[in-house]
């Protein structure tokens, strides 16, 4: 078909007659043979490729078979390893059992040796007793033989006694010995000895059983003693732990009592001393008059000084308790926060009083402004609630002592509290005395600034925070 197509091509191309018909046929014939040869070669290659595929599949199957065999061999190897491990464990158990059996065999051998020694001792005792029995028998036979000879001599010497000798007994019950009566006497004497021997054997067996029972009781008592000793050790350990807990509880109770005493002293100072001093030194709201020689700034400074003294004392308590007792950090932290709050209020009130005093000095007129209308004093009244509201009820100003006297009264109260606390806090006393002296010095400086001319400013009082850092 290819050849026919090519012929058609050559026929259509009549314009170019460059080929010969015979050459064309020859070429076509060669091409057909070449195609046939190529087809045969391709078929052979396909057959060889198919054979290679078959061989490859066989090799793959063989590889799979070998891998399965390898897996089986591996499993068998693992099983053998497990069997070897089990055999090893069994061998170890057998070794342990063998060691136990050897120990038991040694113990049994020792027991057998002890029993053998006991049997030999008993056999020796039996031999000695048998020899003693034989000796007694021989002595009895000799005595009987001697008595026979004496009787015979007596019978031969006194013929009149033949009739008496023929009798079985004398009048006093004496049995005349016949020649056949020796065996009877020896048998009668042997019976008590045999009975004694049997009795002794029974005693020995009973003693052995009693010894075994006593040994069992002793082992039980030893086990009970060991258990009791272990329980006693456990009870001693628990007792030591309980004693430690009791000591810890006592320490905590002592610390709690000290903290309660400190808290009561602080509450006493704040409630009885500071509030009363502040309210006594403050003028009434409805009375514009004021005490002779006193101004609103003086009264506020006196109250603030007392507040600063109590606040510093409270801070010193907190510092000392924080240095001595590290376990009460929460309570001391609260005290320290209260101290810082009071210190900030003190600085705020001090600044307001100074500004108020400077404005009065520049204006040249002192105004009797009630402390109760000052917002700073309202804040302080809110900070220290209690009997202040009831103390402000009377319409006439109370007769109050001077500021140094009030501070001295507070110091006396603090000394009484320190006396009640005893010798536990000597640092608090020294710190309070130092703070009290510094407050008096500050008060004297503030009082001395009243005589300064208007153009000059009063000297600035040192901040208590700096003093606190120096005191520390």
Foldseek 3Di string as FASTA:
>chain_A
DVLVVVVVVVVVPPVDPPDDPVVSVVVVVVVVVVVVVVVVVVVVVVVVVVVVVVVVVVVVVVVVVVVVVVVVVVVVVVVVVVVVVVVVVVVVVVVVVVVVVVVVVVVVVVVVVVVVVVVVVVVVVVVVLVVVLVVVLVVVVVVLVVVVVVVVVVCVVDVVCPVVQVDQADPVGDGDDDPVCSVVVSVVSVVVSVVVVVVVVVVVVVVVVVVVVVVVVVVVVVVVVVVVVVVVVVVVVVVVVVVVVVVVVVVVVVVVVVLVLLVVLLLCLLQVQLLVLLLLLFFAQPDQDDDPPDAPLLSLLLSLLSLLLSLLLLLVVLVVCVVPPVVPPVSSVVSNVVSVVSLVLSVVSNVVSQVVVLVCQQVVHGGRHTPVPDVSVVVVCVVRDDCNVVSNPDPHRDDDDDSVVSLVVSLVSSVVSVVVVPPPCPVSNVLSVVSSVLSVVLSVLVSVQVPPHSVDRRDDDDRVVVVSVVSD
